[in-house]
């Protein structure tokens, strides 16, 4: 408002303030609002000003009409609009109120919808909103002219960049002759050509589509002109918004350094790597002009996210009954991107404690290193006749071999104890009794990891593949070679859903000895729906008064043991804050197993 205490009073200022308040009410949908100013005369040439306001009800959209549409129904066109007709079940929405700005947006939505369906001559002749006589609702009417359907004619690229062959750009064209005219294809092609030029070091190219309509053949020829632009270099990288995380943690994720020729794909990859740290809620990299025309500044804007996790919980599971869990984890220790964790869990089947530490830049190099201490006690008497206790230590190294690929090396040594607890040995199969006691396992392994996920914790697109092998026998009592393959792919769908496709397989072969039962693969329970834990696969069964079942796998040849876990599944998830819906079917395949 213009009027305030102790300023000169004028009628013009009063009317201006009234109009501003009416505009504010109308933007919120209250077109029946009435504001009446009243002036109270006071001594010494002073006045009090009172605004009496009757807000009135919100004016809803009673009906949306279309005139001139023949190719698409009114219902199809209403679905393209942000504005909706008022209905009694829309209790919390605001799109059913009249807003002039939203109506302008709706005009653009109609235009884009028709342009994406081949109508290159489409135009909105008028869009009017009429207030009903009772001033409670609006009737919105769009008058449109559809025109004829067009297809793409000749599509070509002209480049003014002398160092780049036009044929290199043609592979990025998103349409071909004869296809239905589509504005989004043109926009996508402009983005592709701009990105391609950015990869070659041309940061500020101007890609200009030049359409030519042929009304006789109803085709639209289009030429994309890539206008010449000088090569641009990175003058400076400015990082701000990182309150806890140190600058070097962010800068070492950049694929560009000061002085490099600008490369758009490297800049985007740098942004992805920063986001993949999992330390920031938002990360944006903006190009700003530098001190000279051929210089630019990369401005990195960050918003820190919580990296410390403290969890204390109790739960009930049909598998493990009551469960108590405690964990503490810091993924960005002292702002250095180091990780420290402590986990403890207790249930009727499992007692586990493990401590781990990871240094992402070991000795200042691009090598990650870590150490883990663990002790796990598994009570499996509910679905078998043995229990295991494992205590050990492991060391890890991670070596990047490509932009998205890592070679992970590990060594662990552990003590495994297999016993039958309070179970009568005569009630246990010979297969189990032969493996009682403790053993030392000294194991060296490696993993080849390919990871293109868009987020380390909450991925919605990308894939992750892990191929790993472990060799036991570098000292110790156990000798085997184990191979595993894990694959997950995340696919964005529609309406906020995404799909997840996963597969998992494993093969283990004893080297001169049988595979101990605690080293085998077990299926069932949470791994495969519909089966008890370790309930899928061959089993040794004692048939007498009280049958006892023990999971086992028959030898294939030369003492080899085989377990293949293939878990193709498709999870459909809709993620909102604290909400996740999932539908997860699974299918199972097992090879033919033979026994001696």
Foldseek 3Di string as FASTA:
>chain_A
DPDDPPDDDDPVVVVVVQVVVCVVLVQQQQNVKDWDWDWADDPPRDIDIDIDIDRHDGAFAQEEAEAADDPDDPVVLQVQAQADDDDPVPDPDRSRGDHVVSVVVSQVSSVQVLQQQQQPPKHWPDWDWDQDPVNRYIYIYIYIHRHDGAWAAAEAEAEPAVVDDRVVLVVLQQDHGPHTRHPVSVVSSQVSSQQVVLQVQFNDWDWDKDWDADVVVRHIYIYIYTYDGDGAFEQEEAEDQPPQADPVVLVVLQPHDHGHRGHNVSRVSSQLSNQQLVFFPDWDWDWADDPDNRYIYTYIYTHGDDQWDWDWDWDADPFFGIKTKTKIKGQQPRNQRKIWMWIFMDTNFKTKIKIKIKHCQPVNHNKIKMKMWMWMKGHDVVAAQKIKIKTKMKIKMWADPDSFKIKIKMKMKMKMAMDRPPDDPVQHDPLRVVQGGMWMWTKIKMKIKGWDFSYPPDGQFTKIKIWMWMATDPDMDFGKIKIKIKIWGWADDPPQKIKIWIWIWMFMFGDQDADRPVPDDADDDPRAPPAHTSRDDDWDWDDDPDIGTHRDAAAAPPNTGTDTWTWTWMWIWRDDVVDIDIDIHTDTDDDDGDHD
